[in-house]
């Protein structure tokens, strides 16, 4: 059984919170290209590290599989190495969220619309149904 919380929140505070969230959304969206480039560079570095790590331990390899492609003269070598993972190079993680353009536009429009309406009201507090609609952006 879920219980509802009934709280009156000052309109001014909600407007401030939405403006802050909108500014953060725009900052995140405009900086994601630079973040992607930084992550890609770190990932490529990790791929080289993991390759070197695997080659250094090839003598311990098990279940070696090879595939030769004569049409482009390439050899694929696949093998397994048992490890505890303690000396394994750590894969970089994304410390940012990728926002697709259509999602960005939708969220920005929703926040902008809410701000427009809230700035036009004379009410000192925001009602529960409005808070329910905008809470996901706060």
C-alpha atoms as a PDB file:
ATOM      1  CA  UNK A   1       0.000   0.000   0.000  1.00  0.00           C
ATOM      2  CA  UNK A   2       1.566   3.282  -1.026  1.00  0.00           C
ATOM      3  CA  UNK A   3       1.021   6.395   0.980  1.00  0.00           C
ATOM      4  CA  UNK A   4       0.872   9.831  -0.503  1.00  0.00           C
ATOM      5  CA  UNK A   5       2.785  12.767   0.871  1.00  0.00           C
ATOM      6  CA  UNK A   6       0.965  16.063   1.036  1.00  0.00           C
ATOM      7  CA  UNK A   7       3.324  19.003   1.217  1.00  0.00           C
ATOM      8  CA  UNK A   8       2.972  22.595   0.134  1.00  0.00           C
ATOM      9  CA  UNK A   9       6.055  23.816  -1.719  1.00  0.00           C
ATOM     10  CA  UNK A  10       6.656  27.497  -2.379  1.00  0.00           C
ATOM     11  CA  UNK A  11       6.271  28.411  -6.045  1.00  0.00           C
ATOM     12  CA  UNK A  12       9.467  30.473  -5.922  1.00  0.00           C
ATOM     13  CA  UNK A  13      11.463  27.444  -4.735  1.00  0.00           C
ATOM     14  CA  UNK A  14      10.010  25.230  -7.469  1.00  0.00           C
ATOM     15  CA  UNK A  15      10.813  27.843 -10.133  1.00  0.00           C
ATOM     16  CA  UNK A  16      14.399  28.117  -8.849  1.00  0.00           C
ATOM     17  CA  UNK A  17      14.802  24.325  -8.825  1.00  0.00           C
ATOM     18  CA  UNK A  18      13.446  24.009 -12.383  1.00  0.00           C
ATOM     19  CA  UNK A  19      15.711  26.808 -13.635  1.00  0.00           C
ATOM     20  CA  UNK A  20      18.698  25.063 -12.050  1.00  0.00           C
ATOM     21  CA  UNK A  21      17.695  21.740 -13.616  1.00  0.00           C
ATOM     22  CA  UNK A  22      17.238  23.375 -17.038  1.00  0.00           C
ATOM     23  CA  UNK A  23      20.694  24.970 -16.826  1.00  0.00           C
ATOM     24  CA  UNK A  24      22.219  21.604 -15.836  1.00  0.00           C
ATOM     25  CA  UNK A  25      20.401  19.838 -18.690  1.00  0.00           C
ATOM     26  CA  UNK A  26      21.756  22.328 -21.222  1.00  0.00           C
ATOM     27  CA  UNK A  27      25.274  22.064 -19.784  1.00  0.00           C
ATOM     28  CA  UNK A  28      25.184  18.252 -19.869  1.00  0.00           C
ATOM     29  CA  UNK A  29      23.865  18.212 -23.431  1.00  0.00           C
ATOM     30  CA  UNK A  30      26.420  20.679 -24.797  1.00  0.00           C
ATOM     31  CA  UNK A  31      29.355  19.004 -23.051  1.00  0.00           C
ATOM     32  CA  UNK A  32      28.512  15.419 -23.981  1.00  0.00           C
ATOM     33  CA  UNK A  33      30.471  15.558 -27.266  1.00  0.00           C
ATOM     34  CA  UNK A  34      33.648  16.491 -25.381  1.00  0.00           C
ATOM     35  CA  UNK A  35      32.894  13.845 -22.747  1.00  0.00           C
ATOM     36  CA  UNK A  36      32.388  11.198 -25.465  1.00  0.00           C
ATOM     37  CA  UNK A  37      35.724  12.125 -27.072  1.00  0.00           C
ATOM     38  CA  UNK A  38      37.490  11.900 -23.705  1.00  0.00           C
ATOM     39  CA  UNK A  39      35.863   8.526 -22.980  1.00  0.00           C
ATOM     40  CA  UNK A  40      36.713   7.200 -26.463  1.00  0.00           C
ATOM     41  CA  UNK A  41      40.356   8.166 -25.985  1.00  0.00           C
ATOM     42  CA  UNK A  42      40.459   6.429 -22.578  1.00  0.00           C
ATOM     43  CA  UNK A  43      38.747   3.350 -24.044  1.00  0.00           C
ATOM     44  CA  UNK A  44      41.239   3.122 -26.929  1.00  0.00           C
ATOM     45  CA  UNK A  45      44.093   3.389 -24.411  1.00  0.00           C
ATOM     46  CA  UNK A  46      42.517   0.594 -22.363  1.00  0.00           C
ATOM     47  CA  UNK A  47      42.171  -1.591 -25.477  1.00  0.00           C
ATOM     48  CA  UNK A  48      45.918  -1.254 -26.094  1.00  0.00           C
ATOM     49  CA  UNK A  49      46.652  -2.028 -22.429  1.00  0.00           C
ATOM     50  CA  UNK A  50      44.424  -5.105 -22.460  1.00  0.00           C
ATOM     51  CA  UNK A  51      46.034  -6.302 -25.694  1.00  0.00           C
ATOM     52  CA  UNK A  52      49.511  -5.946 -24.209  1.00  0.00           C
ATOM     53  CA  UNK A  53      48.311  -7.625 -21.025  1.00  0.00           C
ATOM     54  CA  UNK A  54      46.937 -10.599 -23.004  1.00  0.00           C
ATOM     55  CA  UNK A  55      50.009 -10.949 -25.221  1.00  0.00           C
ATOM     56  CA  UNK A  56      52.293 -10.944 -22.148  1.00  0.00           C
ATOM     57  CA  UNK A  57      50.273 -13.893 -20.771  1.00  0.00           C
ATOM     58  CA  UNK A  58      49.826 -15.823 -24.031  1.00  0.00           C
ATOM     59  CA  UNK A  59      51.990 -18.662 -22.667  1.00  0.00           C
ATOM     60  CA  UNK A  60      49.160 -19.357 -20.180  1.00  0.00           C
ATOM     61  CA  UNK A  61      46.497 -19.346 -22.907  1.00  0.00           C
ATOM     62  CA  UNK A  62      43.953 -22.136 -23.169  1.00  0.00           C
ATOM     63  CA  UNK A  63      41.412 -23.022 -25.838  1.00  0.00           C
ATOM     64  CA  UNK A  64      43.269 -21.283 -28.670  1.00  0.00           C
ATOM     65  CA  UNK A  65      41.164 -20.731 -31.784  1.00  0.00           C
ATOM     66  CA  UNK A  66      42.289 -19.303 -35.094  1.00  0.00           C
ATOM     67  CA  UNK A  67      40.426 -18.148 -38.168  1.00  0.00           C
ATOM     68  CA  UNK A  68      42.182 -17.251 -41.405  1.00  0.00           C
ATOM     69  CA  UNK A  69      40.335 -15.076 -43.881  1.00  0.00           C
ATOM     70  CA  UNK A  70      41.938 -15.536 -47.277  1.00  0.00           C
ATOM     71  CA  UNK A  71      39.836 -12.857 -48.944  1.00  0.00           C
ATOM     72  CA  UNK A  72      41.621 -10.117 -46.966  1.00  0.00           C
ATOM     73  CA  UNK A  73      44.621 -12.086 -45.671  1.00  0.00           C
ATOM     74  CA  UNK A  74      43.876 -11.683 -41.976  1.00  0.00           C
ATOM     75  CA  UNK A  75      44.279 -14.102 -39.111  1.00  0.00           C
ATOM     76  CA  UNK A  76      42.049 -13.900 -36.066  1.00  0.00           C
ATOM     77  CA  UNK A  77      43.419 -15.489 -32.888  1.00  0.00           C
ATOM     78  CA  UNK A  78      41.055 -16.028 -29.980  1.00  0.00           C
ATOM     79  CA  UNK A  79      42.106 -17.563 -26.663  1.00  0.00           C
ATOM     80  CA  UNK A  80      41.185 -17.796 -22.989  1.00  0.00           C
ATOM     81  CA  UNK A  81      43.366 -16.818 -20.026  1.00  0.00           C
ATOM     82  CA  UNK A  82      42.350 -17.676 -16.485  1.00  0.00           C
ATOM     83  CA  UNK A  83      42.939 -14.812 -14.121  1.00  0.00           C
ATOM     84  CA  UNK A  84      41.803 -13.598 -10.755  1.00  0.00           C
ATOM     85  CA  UNK A  85      41.405 -10.146 -12.208  1.00  0.00           C
ATOM     86  CA  UNK A  86      43.709  -8.476  -9.694  1.00  0.00           C
ATOM     87  CA  UNK A  87      46.259  -7.426 -12.319  1.00  0.00           C
ATOM     88  CA  UNK A  88      43.694  -6.933 -15.063  1.00  0.00           C
ATOM     89  CA  UNK A  89      43.597  -3.397 -16.550  1.00  0.00           C
ATOM     90  CA  UNK A  90      40.448  -1.609 -15.406  1.00  0.00           C
ATOM     91  CA  UNK A  91      38.040  -0.695 -18.197  1.00  0.00           C
ATOM     92  CA  UNK A  92      37.098   3.002 -18.190  1.00  0.00           C
ATOM     93  CA  UNK A  93      33.534   3.843 -17.226  1.00  0.00           C
ATOM     94  CA  UNK A  94      31.345   6.627 -18.544  1.00  0.00           C
ATOM     95  CA  UNK A  95      30.863   9.222 -15.825  1.00  0.00           C
ATOM     96  CA  UNK A  96      28.199  10.994 -17.828  1.00  0.00           C
ATOM     97  CA  UNK A  97      24.828  10.193 -19.327  1.00  0.00           C
ATOM     98  CA  UNK A  98      24.289  10.372 -23.076  1.00  0.00           C
ATOM     99  CA  UNK A  99      21.206  12.406 -23.900  1.00  0.00           C
ATOM    100  CA  UNK A 100      19.732  11.890 -27.351  1.00  0.00           C
ATOM    101  CA  UNK A 101      18.525  14.972 -29.160  1.00  0.00           C
ATOM    102  CA  UNK A 102      14.832  14.044 -29.117  1.00  0.00           C
ATOM    103  CA  UNK A 103      14.939  13.302 -25.369  1.00  0.00           C
ATOM    104  CA  UNK A 104      16.782  16.574 -24.728  1.00  0.00           C
ATOM    105  CA  UNK A 105      14.206  18.551 -26.701  1.00  0.00           C
ATOM    106  CA  UNK A 106      11.307  16.840 -24.922  1.00  0.00           C
ATOM    107  CA  UNK A 107      12.701  17.435 -21.424  1.00  0.00           C
ATOM    108  CA  UNK A 108      13.668  21.019 -22.245  1.00  0.00           C
ATOM    109  CA  UNK A 109      10.189  21.728 -23.604  1.00  0.00           C
ATOM    110  CA  UNK A 110       8.494  20.205 -20.542  1.00  0.00           C
ATOM    111  CA  UNK A 111      10.639  22.219 -18.124  1.00  0.00           C
ATOM    112  CA  UNK A 112      10.227  25.425 -20.131  1.00  0.00           C
ATOM    113  CA  UNK A 113       6.454  24.977 -20.247  1.00  0.00           C
ATOM    114  CA  UNK A 114       6.298  24.359 -16.510  1.00  0.00           C
ATOM    115  CA  UNK A 115       8.431  27.436 -15.841  1.00  0.00           C
ATOM    116  CA  UNK A 116       6.221  29.588 -18.051  1.00  0.00           C
ATOM    117  CA  UNK A 117       3.069  28.494 -16.243  1.00  0.00           C
ATOM    118  CA  UNK A 118       4.605  28.782 -12.758  1.00  0.00           C
ATOM    119  CA  UNK A 119       5.894  32.300 -13.457  1.00  0.00           C
ATOM    120  CA  UNK A 120       2.384  33.371 -14.493  1.00  0.00           C
ATOM    121  CA  UNK A 121       0.623  32.130 -11.355  1.00  0.00           C
ATOM    122  CA  UNK A 122      -0.271  34.242  -8.337  1.00  0.00           C
ATOM    123  CA  UNK A 123      -0.379  31.169  -6.074  1.00  0.00           C
ATOM    124  CA  UNK A 124       2.231  31.096  -3.322  1.00  0.00           C
ATOM    125  CA  UNK A 125       2.468  27.304  -3.325  1.00  0.00           C
ATOM    126  CA  UNK A 126       2.430  24.627  -6.002  1.00  0.00           C
ATOM    127  CA  UNK A 127      -0.445  22.144  -5.837  1.00  0.00           C
ATOM    128  CA  UNK A 128       0.074  18.391  -5.615  1.00  0.00           C
ATOM    129  CA  UNK A 129      -0.971  17.537  -9.184  1.00  0.00           C
ATOM    130  CA  UNK A 130       1.497  20.069 -10.637  1.00  0.00           C
ATOM    131  CA  UNK A 131       4.269  18.757  -8.382  1.00  0.00           C
ATOM    132  CA  UNK A 132       3.516  15.223  -9.522  1.00  0.00           C
ATOM    133  CA  UNK A 133       3.980  16.292 -13.159  1.00  0.00           C
ATOM    134  CA  UNK A 134       7.264  18.151 -12.631  1.00  0.00           C
ATOM    135  CA  UNK A 135       8.831  16.070  -9.837  1.00  0.00           C
ATOM    136  CA  UNK A 136      10.694  13.855 -12.315  1.00  0.00           C
ATOM    137  CA  UNK A 137      12.714  16.889 -13.456  1.00  0.00           C
ATOM    138  CA  UNK A 138      13.717  18.041  -9.977  1.00  0.00           C
END
